[in-house]
Amino acid sequence: MSTQRSAANEKRQAYYCSREWGLKKEAVHKRSGGTCERCYVNEGQAVHHKTYVRLYNEPLEDLIHLCDACHSFTHGKSHFDPALVKLHVYMAGAIFKDNKRSESQIQGNLYSMNDWRKQISPDIFGDYHKVNIIGRKIDKYNNFEFKYGGPTIMFGHGFDAYPALPSNCLREVSNSEVLFAWIDSKNTIGTVAEISAAFVYHKKVVFVAFKNEELQKQFYFIDRLCLPIKDRWLPGRGVVAPSAKDAWKLFLQKVEETYGTKKEQSGAP
């Protein structure tokens, strides 16, 4: 068995030193333009087999140009995945159900909390008692890793909000790359400020969704902000969705469109 394995290794090494393999490597380098075809960020360093089924007769589709970090991750030598796009997303929207914020804060009544965040990620937002650690917890979706933020202190909102709350929330908006807003209530004044701040800070994705058309019309100012400046005389582009979970799916599509440009342009397999 060891003799057979040794012979196979010698054959493979001889192939990797051959002109035939050299030409295939050159073709892969030309296709990639020198950029890793997995993370589309780092410089490509190694030509890697995606499958060994057609080894020695492999088409170019079986090969991929990888940076050192992606190559190490692919071979299980590293836990770091360069292809994972890490985004800090600010979650803007009502904390309490309509007209229940005073009761919730005085009595600690969690049933009066608005649970739309829990619909999106039960693992992250399922326990409001642990809400202060939300900013340190992450969630993954396809090639994206989301770190959730804002507002991370539920019981500091409402009629007796602590003085630093507004500045803390706006600072967190500033530190986030993207913003998702769910408007399901008329009583969400702070959300309007957070969305406006995201536009001022030029966030790459500012996604606003309304529970119904009535709310979309009432928040016409925010709805119009979703348009390019030259088109703000037109009807707005805020999304109407039946639930926060449905709106989140549309948000993920928008994020993929925005941050997936390099992949689409590269013609990656």
Foldseek 3Di string as FASTA:
>chain_A
DVVVVVVVVVVLVVLCVDVVVVVLVVVQCVLQVQAFLQQLPDGFDDKDFCDCPCPVNDDNLRITGHDPVCVCVVVVNDPDHNNAAEFEEEEAEAQFDPPCLVVCLVVVDPVRTDCQVCLAPVVLPVDLVPLLCQQVDWDDDDSYIYRYCYPSNSNLDDDNHDPCSLVVRLVSLLVGQEYEYEYEDPPRVSRVVSLVSNVVSVRLYYAYEYLDVVVCVVVQVSQLSQDDPVCSVDGGDHHHDNGSNVSVVVVVVVVCVRPVVSNVVSVRD
